[in-house]
PDB file of N, CA and C in Angstrom:
ATOM      1  N   MET A   1      36.335  63.509  15.128  1.00  0.00           N
ATOM      2  CA  MET A   1      35.993  64.754  15.896  1.00  0.00           C
ATOM      3  C   MET A   1      37.236  65.374  16.507  1.00  0.00           C
ATOM      4  N   PRO A   2      37.673  66.569  16.030  1.00  0.00           N
ATOM      5  CA  PRO A   2      38.856  67.176  16.477  1.00  0.00           C
ATOM      6  C   PRO A   2      38.771  67.900  17.892  1.00  0.00           C
ATOM      7  N   TYR A   3      37.663  67.968  18.406  1.00  0.00           N
ATOM      8  CA  TYR A   3      37.558  68.659  19.655  1.00  0.00           C
ATOM      9  C   TYR A   3      36.855  67.734  20.701  1.00  0.00           C
ATOM     10  N   PHE A   4      37.242  67.968  22.110  1.00  0.00           N
ATOM     11  CA  PHE A   4      36.452  67.173  23.111  1.00  0.00           C
ATOM     12  C   PHE A   4      36.553  67.937  24.365  1.00  0.00           C
ATOM     13  N   ALA A   5      35.574  67.558  25.239  1.00  0.00           N
ATOM     14  CA  ALA A   5      35.477  68.144  26.545  1.00  0.00           C
ATOM     15  C   ALA A   5      35.975  67.176  27.477  1.00  0.00           C
ATOM     16  N   LEU A   6      37.278  67.324  27.985  1.00  0.00           N
ATOM     17  CA  LEU A   6      37.826  66.364  28.806  1.00  0.00           C
ATOM     18  C   LEU A   6      37.221  66.034  30.144  1.00  0.00           C
ATOM     19  N   ALA A   7      36.718  67.123  30.800  1.00  0.00           N
ATOM     20  CA  ALA A   7      36.154  66.844  32.008  1.00  0.00           C
ATOM     21  C   ALA A   7      34.958  65.919  31.880  1.00  0.00           C
ATOM     22  N   GLY A   8      34.301  66.032  30.897  1.00  0.00           N
ATOM     23  CA  GLY A   8      33.066  65.226  30.722  1.00  0.00           C
ATOM     24  C   GLY A   8      33.440  63.803  30.281  1.00  0.00           C
ATOM     25  N   TRP A   9      34.593  63.681  29.768  1.00  0.00           N
ATOM     26  CA  TRP A   9      35.126  62.347  29.318  1.00  0.00           C
ATOM     27  C   TRP A   9      35.730  61.508  30.539  1.00  0.00           C
ATOM     28  N   LEU A  10      36.385  62.121  31.433  1.00  0.00           N
ATOM     29  CA  LEU A  10      37.126  61.527  32.404  1.00  0.00           C
ATOM     30  C   LEU A  10      36.275  61.113  33.631  1.00  0.00           C
ATOM     31  N   PHE A  11      35.361  61.901  34.074  1.00  0.00           N
ATOM     32  CA  PHE A  11      34.515  61.664  35.228  1.00  0.00           C
ATOM     33  C   PHE A  11      33.206  60.770  34.819  1.00  0.00           C
ATOM     34  N   PHE A  12      32.837  59.984  35.858  1.00  0.00           N
ATOM     35  CA  PHE A  12      31.517  59.280  35.620  1.00  0.00           C
ATOM     36  C   PHE A  12      30.353  60.231  35.769  1.00  0.00           C
ATOM     37  N   THR A  13      29.219  59.916  35.199  1.00  0.00           N
ATOM     38  CA  THR A  13      28.094  60.802  35.150  1.00  0.00           C
ATOM     39  C   THR A  13      27.580  61.203  36.502  1.00  0.00           C
ATOM     40  N   ASP A  14      27.699  60.298  37.537  1.00  0.00           N
ATOM     41  CA  ASP A  14      27.222  60.585  38.888  1.00  0.00           C
ATOM     42  C   ASP A  14      28.293  61.334  39.725  1.00  0.00           C
ATOM     43  N   GLU A  15      29.443  61.620  39.184  1.00  0.00           N
ATOM     44  CA  GLU A  15      30.485  62.315  39.913  1.00  0.00           C
ATOM     45  C   GLU A  15      30.320  63.824  39.739  1.00  0.00           C
ATOM     46  N   GLU A  16      30.627  64.635  40.777  1.00  0.00           N
ATOM     47  CA  GLU A  16      30.830  66.074  40.638  1.00  0.00           C
ATOM     48  C   GLU A  16      32.076  66.379  39.988  1.00  0.00           C
ATOM     49  N   ILE A  17      32.068  67.155  38.986  1.00  0.00           N
ATOM     50  CA  ILE A  17      33.253  67.663  38.185  1.00  0.00           C
ATOM     51  C   ILE A  17      33.767  68.901  38.819  1.00  0.00           C
ATOM     52  N   PRO A  18      34.973  68.837  39.351  1.00  0.00           N
ATOM     53  CA  PRO A  18      35.505  70.058  40.053  1.00  0.00           C
ATOM     54  C   PRO A  18      36.118  71.206  39.150  1.00  0.00           C
ATOM     55  N   TYR A  19      35.917  71.035  37.862  1.00  0.00           N
ATOM     56  CA  TYR A  19      36.563  71.845  36.856  1.00  0.00           C
ATOM     57  C   TYR A  19      35.402  72.332  35.924  1.00  0.00           C
ATOM     58  N   SER A  20      35.532  73.405  35.255  1.00  0.00           N
ATOM     59  CA  SER A  20      34.507  73.827  34.305  1.00  0.00           C
ATOM     60  C   SER A  20      34.698  72.901  33.050  1.00  0.00           C
ATOM     61  N   ILE A  21      33.647  72.672  32.452  1.00  0.00           N
ATOM     62  CA  ILE A  21      33.690  71.867  31.229  1.00  0.00           C
ATOM     63  C   ILE A  21      33.781  72.680  30.064  1.00  0.00           C
ATOM     64  N   ARG A  22      34.874  72.561  29.298  1.00  0.00           N
ATOM     65  CA  ARG A  22      35.032  73.320  28.066  1.00  0.00           C
ATOM     66  C   ARG A  22      35.638  72.450  27.063  1.00  0.00           C
ATOM     67  N   THR A  23      35.377  72.802  25.835  1.00  0.00           N
ATOM     68  CA  THR A  23      35.873  72.124  24.756  1.00  0.00           C
ATOM     69  C   THR A  23      37.382  72.482  24.452  1.00  0.00           C
ATOM     70  N   LEU A  24      38.172  71.494  24.221  1.00  0.00           N
ATOM     71  CA  LEU A  24      39.679  71.743  24.076  1.00  0.00           C
ATOM     72  C   LEU A  24      39.991  71.750  22.568  1.00  0.00           C
ATOM     73  N   PRO A  25      40.978  72.314  22.132  1.00  0.00           N
ATOM     74  CA  PRO A  25      41.339  72.197  20.776  1.00  0.00           C
ATOM     75  C   PRO A  25      41.947  70.823  20.524  1.00  0.00           C
ATOM     76  N   GLU A  26      42.166  70.426  19.328  1.00  0.00           N
ATOM     77  CA  GLU A  26      42.638  69.210  18.781  1.00  0.00           C
ATOM     78  C   GLU A  26      44.009  69.022  19.452  1.00  0.00           C
ATOM     79  N   TRP A  27      44.242  67.839  20.017  1.00  0.00           N
ATOM     80  CA  TRP A  27      45.421  67.502  20.686  1.00  0.00           C
ATOM     81  C   TRP A  27      46.487  66.683  19.665  1.00  0.00           C
ATOM     82  N   ASN A  28      47.620  67.167  19.691  1.00  0.00           N
ATOM     83  CA  ASN A  28      48.730  66.558  18.847  1.00  0.00           C
ATOM     84  C   ASN A  28      49.432  65.678  19.788  1.00  0.00           C
ATOM     85  N   PRO A  29      49.413  64.317  19.543  1.00  0.00           N
ATOM     86  CA  PRO A  29      50.071  63.602  20.544  1.00  0.00           C
ATOM     87  C   PRO A  29      51.674  63.614  20.565  1.00  0.00           C
ATOM     88  N   ASP A  30      52.241  64.316  19.570  1.00  0.00           N
ATOM     89  CA  ASP A  30      53.543  64.565  19.563  1.00  0.00           C
ATOM     90  C   ASP A  30      53.985  65.777  20.517  1.00  0.00           C
ATOM     91  N   ASP A  31      52.976  66.533  20.926  1.00  0.00           N
ATOM     92  CA  ASP A  31      53.164  67.684  21.817  1.00  0.00           C
ATOM     93  C   ASP A  31      53.412  67.159  23.201  1.00  0.00           C
ATOM     94  N   THR A  32      54.185  67.904  24.060  1.00  0.00           N
ATOM     95  CA  THR A  32      54.400  67.594  25.494  1.00  0.00           C
ATOM     96  C   THR A  32      53.478  68.397  26.212  1.00  0.00           C
ATOM     97  N   SER A  33      52.639  67.770  27.050  1.00  0.00           N
ATOM     98  CA  SER A  33      51.686  68.458  27.926  1.00  0.00           C
ATOM     99  C   SER A  33      52.168  69.443  28.811  1.00  0.00           C
ATOM    100  N   VAL A  34      51.393  70.227  29.313  1.00  0.00           N
ATOM    101  CA  VAL A  34      51.709  71.309  30.421  1.00  0.00           C
ATOM    102  C   VAL A  34      52.051  70.524  31.694  1.00  0.00           C
ATOM    103  N   PHE A  35      51.273  69.488  32.026  1.00  0.00           N
ATOM    104  CA  PHE A  35      51.677  68.766  33.215  1.00  0.00           C
ATOM    105  C   PHE A  35      53.006  68.118  33.127  1.00  0.00           C
ATOM    106  N   ILE A  36      53.328  67.550  32.004  1.00  0.00           N
ATOM    107  CA  ILE A  36      54.591  66.872  31.960  1.00  0.00           C
ATOM    108  C   ILE A  36      55.787  67.852  31.876  1.00  0.00           C
ATOM    109  N   GLN A  37      55.557  69.061  31.237  1.00  0.00           N
ATOM    110  CA  GLN A  37      56.635  70.075  31.262  1.00  0.00           C
ATOM    111  C   GLN A  37      56.866  70.597  32.665  1.00  0.00           C
ATOM    112  N   GLN A  38      55.663  70.867  33.382  1.00  0.00           N
ATOM    113  CA  GLN A  38      55.823  71.390  34.733  1.00  0.00           C
ATOM    114  C   GLN A  38      56.541  70.373  35.780  1.00  0.00           C
ATOM    115  N   HIS A  39      56.512  69.111  35.417  1.00  0.00           N
ATOM    116  CA  HIS A  39      57.013  68.140  36.354  1.00  0.00           C
ATOM    117  C   HIS A  39      58.216  67.275  35.942  1.00  0.00           C
ATOM    118  N   LYS A  40      58.817  67.728  34.769  1.00  0.00           N
ATOM    119  CA  LYS A  40      59.955  66.986  34.217  1.00  0.00           C
ATOM    120  C   LYS A  40      61.164  66.955  35.091  1.00  0.00           C
ATOM    121  N   LYS A  41      61.229  68.038  36.017  1.00  0.00           N
ATOM    122  CA  LYS A  41      62.425  67.983  36.933  1.00  0.00           C
ATOM    123  C   LYS A  41      62.178  67.289  38.360  1.00  0.00           C
ATOM    124  N   ASP A  42      60.921  67.453  38.656  1.00  0.00           N
ATOM    125  CA  ASP A  42      60.511  66.721  39.942  1.00  0.00           C
ATOM    126  C   ASP A  42      59.622  65.487  39.782  1.00  0.00           C
ATOM    127  N   TRP A  43      59.849  64.751  38.698  1.00  0.00           N
ATOM    128  CA  TRP A  43      59.045  63.661  38.254  1.00  0.00           C
ATOM    129  C   TRP A  43      59.054  62.505  39.309  1.00  0.00           C
ATOM    130  N   LYS A  44      60.208  62.361  40.066  1.00  0.00           N
ATOM    131  CA  LYS A  44      60.120  61.337  41.151  1.00  0.00           C
ATOM    132  C   LYS A  44      59.215  61.550  42.163  1.00  0.00           C
ATOM    133  N   GLN A  45      59.172  62.828  42.638  1.00  0.00           N
ATOM    134  CA  GLN A  45      58.270  63.217  43.702  1.00  0.00           C
ATOM    135  C   GLN A  45      56.802  63.174  43.243  1.00  0.00           C
ATOM    136  N   THR A  46      56.574  63.535  42.024  1.00  0.00           N
ATOM    137  CA  THR A  46      55.184  63.594  41.445  1.00  0.00           C
ATOM    138  C   THR A  46      54.807  62.084  41.266  1.00  0.00           C
ATOM    139  N   ALA A  47      55.752  61.222  40.929  1.00  0.00           N
ATOM    140  CA  ALA A  47      55.410  59.790  40.819  1.00  0.00           C
ATOM    141  C   ALA A  47      54.960  59.192  42.251  1.00  0.00           C
ATOM    142  N   GLN A  48      55.778  59.573  43.295  1.00  0.00           N
ATOM    143  CA  GLN A  48      55.511  59.102  44.593  1.00  0.00           C
ATOM    144  C   GLN A  48      54.048  59.643  45.054  1.00  0.00           C
ATOM    145  N   LYS A  49      53.842  60.887  44.867  1.00  0.00           N
ATOM    146  CA  LYS A  49      52.742  61.512  45.196  1.00  0.00           C
ATOM    147  C   LYS A  49      51.378  60.898  44.688  1.00  0.00           C
ATOM    148  N   TYR A  50      51.500  60.417  43.406  1.00  0.00           N
ATOM    149  CA  TYR A  50      50.472  59.881  42.747  1.00  0.00           C
ATOM    150  C   TYR A  50      50.474  58.373  42.533  1.00  0.00           C
ATOM    151  N   ASP A  51      51.347  57.732  43.231  1.00  0.00           N
ATOM    152  CA  ASP A  51      51.499  56.244  43.237  1.00  0.00           C
ATOM    153  C   ASP A  51      51.723  55.694  41.866  1.00  0.00           C
ATOM    154  N   ILE A  52      52.774  56.294  41.105  1.00  0.00           N
ATOM    155  CA  ILE A  52      53.028  55.868  39.852  1.00  0.00           C
ATOM    156  C   ILE A  52      54.445  55.202  39.964  1.00  0.00           C
ATOM    157  N   GLU A  53      54.622  53.970  39.424  1.00  0.00           N
ATOM    158  CA  GLU A  53      55.887  53.235  39.524  1.00  0.00           C
ATOM    159  C   GLU A  53      56.893  54.110  38.802  1.00  0.00           C
ATOM    160  N   GLU A  54      58.221  54.092  39.523  1.00  0.00           N
ATOM    161  CA  GLU A  54      59.306  54.964  39.194  1.00  0.00           C
ATOM    162  C   GLU A  54      59.641  54.677  37.693  1.00  0.00           C
ATOM    163  N   GLU A  55      59.782  53.515  37.173  1.00  0.00           N
ATOM    164  CA  GLU A  55      60.002  53.270  35.846  1.00  0.00           C
ATOM    165  C   GLU A  55      59.036  53.775  34.819  1.00  0.00           C
ATOM    166  N   ASN A  56      57.750  53.603  35.175  1.00  0.00           N
ATOM    167  CA  ASN A  56      56.650  54.143  34.215  1.00  0.00           C
ATOM    168  C   ASN A  56      56.792  55.627  34.365  1.00  0.00           C
ATOM    169  N   ALA A  57      57.058  56.398  35.491  1.00  0.00           N
ATOM    170  CA  ALA A  57      57.179  57.735  35.610  1.00  0.00           C
ATOM    171  C   ALA A  57      58.304  58.226  34.832  1.00  0.00           C
ATOM    172  N   ARG A  58      59.395  57.491  34.893  1.00  0.00           N
ATOM    173  CA  ARG A  58      60.660  58.027  33.982  1.00  0.00           C
ATOM    174  C   ARG A  58      60.223  57.981  32.480  1.00  0.00           C
ATOM    175  N   ASN A  59      59.562  57.080  32.166  1.00  0.00           N
ATOM    176  CA  ASN A  59      59.087  56.862  30.661  1.00  0.00           C
ATOM    177  C   ASN A  59      58.129  57.938  30.349  1.00  0.00           C
ATOM    178  N   ILE A  60      57.295  58.356  31.233  1.00  0.00           N
ATOM    179  CA  ILE A  60      56.321  59.480  30.990  1.00  0.00           C
ATOM    180  C   ILE A  60      56.953  60.710  30.970  1.00  0.00           C
ATOM    181  N   PHE A  61      57.633  61.171  32.030  1.00  0.00           N
ATOM    182  CA  PHE A  61      58.237  62.397  32.150  1.00  0.00           C
ATOM    183  C   PHE A  61      59.541  62.704  31.489  1.00  0.00           C
ATOM    184  N   VAL A  62      60.454  61.742  31.519  1.00  0.00           N
ATOM    185  CA  VAL A  62      61.863  62.017  31.039  1.00  0.00           C
ATOM    186  C   VAL A  62      62.031  61.391  29.601  1.00  0.00           C
ATOM    187  N   ASN A  63      61.740  60.232  29.419  1.00  0.00           N
ATOM    188  CA  ASN A  63      61.948  59.646  28.145  1.00  0.00           C
ATOM    189  C   ASN A  63      60.809  59.883  27.059  1.00  0.00           C
ATOM    190  N   ARG A  64      59.773  60.211  27.595  1.00  0.00           N
ATOM    191  CA  ARG A  64      58.532  60.391  26.664  1.00  0.00           C
ATOM    192  C   ARG A  64      58.210  59.223  25.832  1.00  0.00           C
ATOM    193  N   ARG A  65      58.322  57.940  26.389  1.00  0.00           N
ATOM    194  CA  ARG A  65      58.057  56.757  25.649  1.00  0.00           C
ATOM    195  C   ARG A  65      56.768  56.149  26.230  1.00  0.00           C
ATOM    196  N   ALA A  66      56.100  56.840  27.143  1.00  0.00           N
ATOM    197  CA  ALA A  66      54.838  56.274  27.753  1.00  0.00           C
ATOM    198  C   ALA A  66      53.905  57.492  28.016  1.00  0.00           C
ATOM    199  N   ASN A  67      52.596  57.259  28.060  1.00  0.00           N
ATOM    200  CA  ASN A  67      51.608  58.105  28.524  1.00  0.00           C
ATOM    201  C   ASN A  67      50.848  57.708  29.865  1.00  0.00           C
ATOM    202  N   PHE A  68      50.178  58.726  30.419  1.00  0.00           N
ATOM    203  CA  PHE A  68      49.335  58.327  31.482  1.00  0.00           C
ATOM    204  C   PHE A  68      48.217  57.312  31.043  1.00  0.00           C
ATOM    205  N   THR A  69      47.830  56.420  32.001  1.00  0.00           N
ATOM    206  CA  THR A  69      46.732  55.559  31.738  1.00  0.00           C
ATOM    207  C   THR A  69      45.452  56.339  32.248  1.00  0.00           C
ATOM    208  N   LEU A  70      44.326  55.903  31.813  1.00  0.00           N
ATOM    209  CA  LEU A  70      42.981  56.374  32.388  1.00  0.00           C
ATOM    210  C   LEU A  70      43.011  56.379  33.783  1.00  0.00           C
ATOM    211  N   MET A  71      43.303  55.218  34.421  1.00  0.00           N
ATOM    212  CA  MET A  71      43.303  55.042  35.821  1.00  0.00           C
ATOM    213  C   MET A  71      44.215  56.023  36.532  1.00  0.00           C
ATOM    214  N   GLN A  72      45.417  56.281  35.982  1.00  0.00           N
ATOM    215  CA  GLN A  72      46.295  57.177  36.630  1.00  0.00           C
ATOM    216  C   GLN A  72      45.747  58.617  36.568  1.00  0.00           C
ATOM    217  N   MET A  73      45.104  58.925  35.445  1.00  0.00           N
ATOM    218  CA  MET A  73      44.473  60.272  35.302  1.00  0.00           C
ATOM    219  C   MET A  73      43.251  60.437  36.291  1.00  0.00           C
ATOM    220  N   ARG A  74      42.565  59.403  36.517  1.00  0.00           N
ATOM    221  CA  ARG A  74      41.398  59.430  37.452  1.00  0.00           C
ATOM    222  C   ARG A  74      41.995  59.548  38.912  1.00  0.00           C
ATOM    223  N   ARG A  75      43.084  58.983  39.205  1.00  0.00           N
ATOM    224  CA  ARG A  75      43.610  59.046  40.550  1.00  0.00           C
ATOM    225  C   ARG A  75      44.092  60.535  40.807  1.00  0.00           C
ATOM    226  N   MET A  76      44.565  61.043  39.835  1.00  0.00           N
ATOM    227  CA  MET A  76      45.165  62.528  39.898  1.00  0.00           C
ATOM    228  C   MET A  76      44.132  63.656  39.719  1.00  0.00           C
ATOM    229  N   ALA A  77      42.982  63.278  39.103  1.00  0.00           N
ATOM    230  CA  ALA A  77      41.947  64.254  38.708  1.00  0.00           C
ATOM    231  C   ALA A  77      41.527  65.143  39.795  1.00  0.00           C
ATOM    232  N   GLY A  78      41.491  64.721  41.026  1.00  0.00           N
ATOM    233  CA  GLY A  78      41.024  65.536  42.231  1.00  0.00           C
ATOM    234  C   GLY A  78      41.944  66.685  42.389  1.00  0.00           C
ATOM    235  N   GLU A  79      43.201  66.644  41.991  1.00  0.00           N
ATOM    236  CA  GLU A  79      44.260  67.701  42.312  1.00  0.00           C
ATOM    237  C   GLU A  79      44.644  68.358  41.023  1.00  0.00           C
ATOM    238  N   VAL A  80      44.536  67.603  39.887  1.00  0.00           N
ATOM    239  CA  VAL A  80      45.155  68.075  38.594  1.00  0.00           C
ATOM    240  C   VAL A  80      44.040  68.242  37.656  1.00  0.00           C
ATOM    241  N   ASN A  81      43.826  69.464  37.133  1.00  0.00           N
ATOM    242  CA  ASN A  81      42.906  69.758  36.052  1.00  0.00           C
ATOM    243  C   ASN A  81      43.268  68.849  34.843  1.00  0.00           C
ATOM    244  N   PRO A  82      42.487  67.945  34.480  1.00  0.00           N
ATOM    245  CA  PRO A  82      42.686  67.091  33.330  1.00  0.00           C
ATOM    246  C   PRO A  82      43.117  67.741  32.057  1.00  0.00           C
ATOM    247  N   GLU A  83      42.692  68.876  31.901  1.00  0.00           N
ATOM    248  CA  GLU A  83      43.148  69.691  30.677  1.00  0.00           C
ATOM    249  C   GLU A  83      44.658  69.719  30.504  1.00  0.00           C
ATOM    250  N   GLU A  84      45.342  69.784  31.714  1.00  0.00           N
ATOM    251  CA  GLU A  84      46.786  69.908  31.773  1.00  0.00           C
ATOM    252  C   GLU A  84      47.533  68.700  30.975  1.00  0.00           C
ATOM    253  N   TRP A  85      46.759  67.660  30.843  1.00  0.00           N
ATOM    254  CA  TRP A  85      47.376  66.471  30.108  1.00  0.00           C
ATOM    255  C   TRP A  85      47.218  66.479  28.619  1.00  0.00           C
ATOM    256  N   PHE A  86      46.335  67.430  28.121  1.00  0.00           N
ATOM    257  CA  PHE A  86      45.928  67.492  26.752  1.00  0.00           C
ATOM    258  C   PHE A  86      46.210  68.919  26.168  1.00  0.00           C
ATOM    259  N   MET A  87      47.020  69.612  26.814  1.00  0.00           N
ATOM    260  CA  MET A  87      47.420  70.997  26.325  1.00  0.00           C
ATOM    261  C   MET A  87      48.978  71.200  26.483  1.00  0.00           C
ATOM    262  N   ASN A  88      49.414  71.908  25.454  1.00  0.00           N
ATOM    263  CA  ASN A  88      50.768  72.302  25.522  1.00  0.00           C
ATOM    264  C   ASN A  88      50.848  73.783  25.978  1.00  0.00           C
ATOM    265  N   GLU A  89      52.087  74.269  26.261  1.00  0.00           N
ATOM    266  CA  GLU A  89      52.148  75.574  26.714  1.00  0.00           C
ATOM    267  C   GLU A  89      51.630  76.673  25.778  1.00  0.00           C
ATOM    268  N   MET A  90      51.641  76.453  24.453  1.00  0.00           N
ATOM    269  CA  MET A  90      51.052  77.394  23.495  1.00  0.00           C
ATOM    270  C   MET A  90      49.539  77.480  23.528  1.00  0.00           C
ATOM    271  N   SER A  91      49.042  76.255  23.790  1.00  0.00           N
ATOM    272  CA  SER A  91      47.527  76.318  23.808  1.00  0.00           C
ATOM    273  C   SER A  91      46.971  76.724  25.099  1.00  0.00           C
ATOM    274  N   ASN A  92      47.960  76.696  26.155  1.00  0.00           N
ATOM    275  CA  ASN A  92      47.534  77.202  27.482  1.00  0.00           C
ATOM    276  C   ASN A  92      47.574  78.711  27.621  1.00  0.00           C
ATOM    277  N   SER A  93      48.127  79.401  26.746  1.00  0.00           N
ATOM    278  CA  SER A  93      48.233  80.806  26.920  1.00  0.00           C
ATOM    279  C   SER A  93      47.053  81.561  26.162  1.00  0.00           C
TER     280      SER A  93
END
């Protein structure tokens, strides 16, 4: 299935979803997400804010050798629209 509604996937059924639920276009894992693009320069502060180990954060934001885990996404989901992890700048415009 090439499309998914991320907000419905990330939250439990009994949780209030603070974002509109919409279907996103197919995600290309080789693309750099909007969230990573926005925080590639302040990645250390972002890692501290969301309690991500520095080495893991460097591999996510700088080296692009790692991705966010589901638990990291859940921890950030109250402040970060989950769509930002699965959209690039072009699909965001």
